[in-house]
Protein backbone atom coordinates (compact mmCIF):
# COMPACT_ATOMS: atom_id res chain seq x y z
CA MET A 1 -34.13 88.87 -57.66
CA ASN A 2 -34.38 92.47 -58.94
CA ASN A 3 -37.69 93.44 -59.41
CA SER A 4 -38.18 93.41 -63.13
CA ILE A 5 -39.88 91.35 -65.66
CA TYR A 6 -38.67 88.99 -67.79
CA GLY A 7 -39.34 87.81 -71.40
CA GLN A 8 -40.68 91.32 -72.90
CA LYS A 9 -40.96 90.68 -75.90
CA ASN A 10 -44.03 89.20 -76.39
CA LEU A 11 -45.28 91.88 -73.71
CA LYS A 12 -44.23 94.43 -74.94
CA MET A 13 -47.02 93.03 -78.24
CA LYS A 14 -49.73 92.51 -75.62
CA LEU A 15 -49.26 95.97 -73.76
CA LYS A 16 -50.07 97.51 -77.32
CA LYS A 17 -52.23 94.85 -78.75
CA ILE A 18 -54.80 95.77 -75.79
CA ARG A 19 -54.37 99.00 -75.44
CA GLU A 20 -55.71 99.16 -78.68
CA GLU A 21 -58.07 96.77 -78.29
CA ARG A 22 -59.08 98.48 -75.75
CA HIS A 23 -58.83 102.44 -78.05
CA TYR A 24 -56.30 103.28 -75.51
CA THR A 25 -54.08 106.43 -77.06
CA GLN A 26 -49.86 105.99 -75.63
CA GLU A 27 -50.93 109.55 -74.01
CA TYR A 28 -53.73 108.59 -72.15
CA ILE A 29 -52.17 105.14 -70.32
CA ALA A 30 -49.34 107.64 -69.27
CA LYS A 31 -51.36 109.72 -68.25
CA LYS A 32 -52.78 107.26 -65.57
CA LEU A 33 -49.10 106.31 -64.59
CA GLY A 34 -48.08 110.28 -63.91
CA ILE A 35 -44.98 109.76 -67.07
CA SER A 36 -44.83 111.23 -70.15
CA ILE A 37 -45.33 109.82 -73.35
CA ARG A 38 -42.81 109.18 -74.47
CA ALA A 39 -41.54 106.56 -71.21
CA TYR A 40 -44.49 104.57 -71.76
CA SER A 41 -43.13 104.48 -75.41
CA LYS A 42 -40.10 103.26 -74.42
CA ILE A 43 -42.04 100.54 -71.85
CA GLU A 44 -44.02 98.94 -75.59
CA ARG A 45 -41.61 99.45 -77.27
CA GLY A 46 -39.11 97.09 -75.16
CA GLU A 47 -36.55 99.85 -74.87
CA THR A 48 -37.49 99.91 -71.07
CA GLN A 49 -37.85 97.72 -68.15
CA LEU A 50 -40.83 97.37 -66.71
CA THR A 51 -40.86 96.22 -62.57
CA ILE A 52 -43.36 94.22 -60.80
CA ASN A 53 -45.32 97.10 -60.04
CA ARG A 54 -45.56 99.29 -62.88
CA LEU A 55 -47.35 95.68 -64.75
CA LYS A 56 -49.03 95.57 -62.06
CA GLU A 57 -50.48 99.59 -62.57
CA ILE A 58 -50.65 98.58 -66.56
CA SER A 59 -53.35 95.52 -66.00
CA THR A 60 -54.96 98.05 -64.13
CA ILE A 61 -55.73 100.24 -65.78
CA LEU A 62 -55.66 98.15 -69.13
CA ASN A 63 -58.42 96.48 -66.87
CA VAL A 64 -56.11 92.73 -67.12
CA SER A 65 -54.27 90.69 -64.77
CA PRO A 66 -50.59 90.40 -64.67
CA PHE A 67 -50.83 86.47 -65.58
CA GLU A 68 -52.85 87.39 -69.01
CA LEU A 69 -50.74 90.50 -70.25
CA LEU A 70 -47.57 87.37 -68.45
CA SER A 71 -48.56 84.21 -70.86
CA ASP A 72 -47.86 83.80 -73.93
CA GLU A 73 -51.30 84.35 -76.20
CA ILE A 74 -54.54 86.60 -75.00
CA ALA A 75 -57.43 84.87 -73.63
CA LYS A 76 -60.61 85.88 -75.90
CA THR A 77 -63.59 84.72 -72.91
CA VAL A 78 -66.59 85.01 -71.17
CA PRO A 79 -65.21 87.75 -68.17
CA GLU A 80 -66.25 84.78 -65.74
CA LYS A 81 -64.47 82.01 -67.69
CA GLN A 82 -61.79 84.40 -67.90
CA GLN A 83 -61.12 84.58 -64.16
CA LEU A 84 -60.64 81.33 -63.77
CA ILE A 85 -58.48 81.45 -66.27
CA ASP A 86 -56.42 83.68 -64.26
CA ASN A 87 -56.60 81.54 -61.00
CA GLU A 88 -55.25 78.78 -63.08
CA LYS A 89 -52.48 80.96 -63.94
CA GLU A 90 -51.44 82.19 -60.67
CA LEU A 91 -51.26 78.87 -59.27
CA THR A 92 -49.37 77.29 -62.25
CA ILE A 93 -47.23 79.98 -61.76
CA ILE A 94 -46.62 80.02 -58.37
CA GLU A 95 -46.09 76.29 -58.33
CA SER A 96 -43.48 76.55 -61.00
CA PHE A 97 -41.76 79.45 -59.00
CA PRO A 98 -38.22 78.65 -57.96
CA ILE A 99 -38.78 80.82 -54.87
CA LYS A 100 -41.88 78.30 -53.52
CA GLN A 101 -39.01 76.38 -53.89
CA HIS A 102 -36.50 77.26 -51.76
CA TYR A 103 -39.61 78.45 -49.22
CA GLU A 104 -39.89 73.99 -48.50
CA GLU A 105 -36.54 73.74 -48.17
CA THR A 106 -36.46 76.66 -45.49
CA ILE A 107 -39.29 75.06 -44.00
CA THR A 108 -38.22 71.07 -44.29
CA LEU A 109 -34.45 73.19 -42.62
CA LEU A 110 -36.32 74.90 -39.68
CA LYS A 111 -38.10 71.82 -38.58
CA ASP A 112 -35.30 69.82 -38.94
CA GLN A 113 -33.13 72.79 -37.16
CA ILE A 114 -36.36 72.38 -34.28
CA GLU A 115 -36.17 69.07 -33.80
CA THR A 116 -31.68 69.41 -33.24
CA LEU A 117 -33.13 72.58 -30.55
CA LYS A 118 -35.83 70.06 -29.24
CA LYS A 119 -33.23 67.25 -29.02
CA ILE A 120 -30.50 69.29 -26.92
CA ILE A 121 -33.00 71.01 -24.21
CA GLU A 122 -34.32 67.21 -23.71
CA LYS A 123 -31.28 66.16 -22.60
CA MET A 124 -29.76 69.24 -21.21
CA SER A 125 -33.41 68.98 -18.74
CA PHE A 126 -31.79 65.46 -17.30
């Protein structure tokens, strides 16, 4: 799995909306990211595939969580309540993320292998 973010249509709209709400220019964001204005503009237009690391950098600059940028709507709540919403979204995303299922299956498989190895060791001890 690569490090890219999917569903960039909503994301690019949110990036622009939040940036404008904060009264930040594309030049300001680009400078903070250490990239050209043109490169940042391409991110906002969805012409450049956004990596998870870049998403984290942008969310830090905009002072929002990456999950808020990825969610379907921008919550407009007080900061304390927003943190609770962000935590809940994070748990929901983690719970539904396919890698969690993969890890659970791997753990089950490893437990089975441990039990099999224990039985082999027991038989060898006699």
